[in-house]
Each structure stands twice: as structure tokens, then as C-alpha cells.
């Protein structure tokens, strides 16, 4: 499995689950460096997503 995520999150979870962290093989463009969450508008008022 390969996942891309912020280093701070990886540093926290890697030791808990025996994961190996490696640097990204490329530099992401600035527009891809922010974190965003998207879900269907039907769930917009659901307590799990507020």
C-alpha cells in the first residue's frame, strides 16, 4: 500500500502500526500541498461531518 499524507500524521501513526515512511519521489505542486475534505451534500449536516 502506498499513501501520501502530511509528515506529522505519518510520524504519529508509523510506529503504532509498524509502517515505513519514505520521502516522496517528487515534489508536489503548491496547489496539491493543502489538505481538503469533500463529501456529498446529502451528508453536509450529518454530525460525523460537522
N, C-alpha and C. Protein backbone atom coordinates (compact mmCIF):
# COMPACT_ATOMS: atom_id res chain seq x y z
N UNK A 1 0.84 -1.16 0.00
CA UNK A 1 0.00 0.00 0.00
C UNK A 1 0.89 1.23 0.00
N UNK A 2 0.47 2.23 -0.74
CA UNK A 2 1.18 3.50 -0.79
C UNK A 2 0.19 4.59 -0.45
N UNK A 3 0.60 5.50 0.40
CA UNK A 3 -0.26 6.62 0.77
C UNK A 3 0.59 7.88 0.87
N UNK A 4 0.00 9.00 0.50
CA UNK A 4 0.66 10.29 0.66
C UNK A 4 -0.11 11.07 1.70
N UNK A 5 0.59 11.53 2.72
CA UNK A 5 -0.05 12.29 3.78
C UNK A 5 0.95 13.21 4.45
N UNK A 6 0.47 14.16 5.23
CA UNK A 6 1.39 15.08 5.90
C UNK A 6 2.36 14.33 6.83
N UNK A 7 3.59 14.78 6.88
CA UNK A 7 4.63 14.12 7.66
C UNK A 7 4.25 13.99 9.13
N UNK A 8 3.63 15.01 9.67
CA UNK A 8 3.25 14.98 11.08
C UNK A 8 2.30 13.83 11.39
N UNK A 9 1.38 13.56 10.49
CA UNK A 9 0.44 12.45 10.68
C UNK A 9 1.18 11.12 10.53
N UNK A 10 2.06 11.03 9.53
CA UNK A 10 2.85 9.82 9.34
C UNK A 10 3.75 9.52 10.52
N UNK A 11 4.37 10.55 11.07
CA UNK A 11 5.25 10.38 12.23
C UNK A 11 4.47 9.82 13.42
N UNK A 12 3.21 10.20 13.55
CA UNK A 12 2.40 9.73 14.66
C UNK A 12 1.98 8.27 14.47
N UNK A 13 1.48 7.92 13.27
CA UNK A 13 0.91 6.59 13.04
C UNK A 13 1.93 5.52 12.65
N UNK A 14 3.03 5.88 12.07
CA UNK A 14 4.01 4.88 11.62
C UNK A 14 4.44 3.94 12.74
N UNK A 15 4.86 4.43 13.90
CA UNK A 15 5.28 3.50 14.95
C UNK A 15 4.12 2.68 15.52
N UNK A 16 2.93 3.22 15.50
CA UNK A 16 1.78 2.50 16.06
C UNK A 16 1.41 1.27 15.23
N UNK A 17 1.61 1.38 13.91
CA UNK A 17 1.19 0.30 13.02
C UNK A 17 2.35 -0.36 12.28
N UNK A 18 3.57 -0.07 12.67
CA UNK A 18 4.73 -0.68 12.04
C UNK A 18 4.90 -0.26 10.58
N UNK A 19 4.56 0.98 10.27
CA UNK A 19 4.67 1.47 8.89
C UNK A 19 6.06 2.01 8.63
N UNK A 20 6.44 2.02 7.37
CA UNK A 20 7.73 2.56 6.96
C UNK A 20 7.46 3.84 6.18
N UNK A 21 8.12 4.92 6.57
CA UNK A 21 7.95 6.19 5.88
C UNK A 21 9.12 6.41 4.93
N UNK A 22 8.80 6.89 3.75
CA UNK A 22 9.80 7.22 2.74
C UNK A 22 9.49 8.61 2.20
N UNK A 23 10.50 9.35 1.80
CA UNK A 23 10.21 10.67 1.20
C UNK A 23 9.53 10.48 -0.16
N UNK A 24 8.77 11.46 -0.53
CA UNK A 24 8.09 11.41 -1.81
C UNK A 24 9.12 11.43 -2.93
N UNK A 25 8.89 10.67 -4.00
CA UNK A 25 9.84 10.66 -5.11
C UNK A 25 9.73 11.90 -6.00
N UNK A 26 8.77 12.77 -5.70
CA UNK A 26 8.60 14.00 -6.47
C UNK A 26 8.15 15.12 -5.54
N UNK A 27 8.28 16.34 -5.99
CA UNK A 27 7.82 17.49 -5.23
C UNK A 27 6.45 17.87 -5.77
N UNK A 28 5.47 17.89 -4.88
CA UNK A 28 4.11 18.20 -5.30
C UNK A 28 3.99 19.70 -5.62
N UNK A 29 3.22 20.01 -6.65
CA UNK A 29 2.98 21.42 -6.96
C UNK A 29 2.25 22.10 -5.79
N UNK A 30 2.42 23.39 -5.61
CA UNK A 30 1.81 24.09 -4.47
C UNK A 30 0.30 23.87 -4.34
N UNK A 31 -0.41 23.79 -5.47
CA UNK A 31 -1.87 23.62 -5.38
C UNK A 31 -2.28 22.25 -4.84
N UNK A 32 -1.36 21.29 -4.77
CA UNK A 32 -1.66 19.97 -4.23
C UNK A 32 -1.15 19.79 -2.80
N UNK A 33 -0.61 20.82 -2.21
CA UNK A 33 0.00 20.69 -0.89
C UNK A 33 -0.96 20.95 0.27
N UNK A 34 -2.15 21.40 -0.01
CA UNK A 34 -3.09 21.65 1.07
C UNK A 34 -4.02 20.44 1.22
N UNK A 35 -4.55 20.29 2.41
CA UNK A 35 -5.43 19.17 2.71
C UNK A 35 -6.87 19.63 2.57
N UNK A 36 -7.68 18.86 1.90
CA UNK A 36 -9.09 19.20 1.76
C UNK A 36 -9.94 17.96 1.90
N UNK A 37 -11.12 18.13 2.42
CA UNK A 37 -12.07 17.03 2.58
C UNK A 37 -13.32 17.35 1.78
N UNK A 38 -13.84 16.35 1.10
CA UNK A 38 -15.03 16.54 0.28
C UNK A 38 -15.98 15.39 0.54
N UNK A 39 -17.26 15.70 0.69
CA UNK A 39 -18.27 14.67 0.80
C UNK A 39 -19.55 15.16 0.15
N UNK A 40 -20.47 14.25 -0.07
CA UNK A 40 -21.71 14.56 -0.75
C UNK A 40 -22.53 15.54 0.07
N UNK A 41 -23.22 16.46 -0.60
CA UNK A 41 -24.00 17.49 0.10
C UNK A 41 -25.08 16.88 0.99
N UNK A 42 -25.52 15.68 0.68
CA UNK A 42 -26.53 14.99 1.49
C UNK A 42 -26.02 14.76 2.91
N UNK A 43 -24.69 14.63 3.07
CA UNK A 43 -24.10 14.38 4.38
C UNK A 43 -23.61 15.66 5.05
N UNK A 44 -23.84 16.81 4.44
CA UNK A 44 -23.33 18.07 4.95
C UNK A 44 -23.76 18.43 6.35
N UNK A 45 -24.89 17.95 6.78
CA UNK A 45 -25.38 18.28 8.12
C UNK A 45 -25.30 17.09 9.07
N UNK A 46 -24.73 16.00 8.61
CA UNK A 46 -24.57 14.81 9.46
C UNK A 46 -23.55 15.10 10.55
N UNK A 47 -23.81 14.68 11.77
CA UNK A 47 -22.95 15.01 12.90
C UNK A 47 -21.52 14.47 12.75
N UNK A 48 -21.33 13.43 11.99
CA UNK A 48 -19.99 12.88 11.80
C UNK A 48 -19.12 13.78 10.92
N UNK A 49 -19.73 14.67 10.15
CA UNK A 49 -19.00 15.50 9.21
C UNK A 49 -18.98 16.98 9.57
N UNK A 50 -19.58 17.34 10.68
CA UNK A 50 -19.65 18.75 11.08
C UNK A 50 -18.45 19.13 11.90
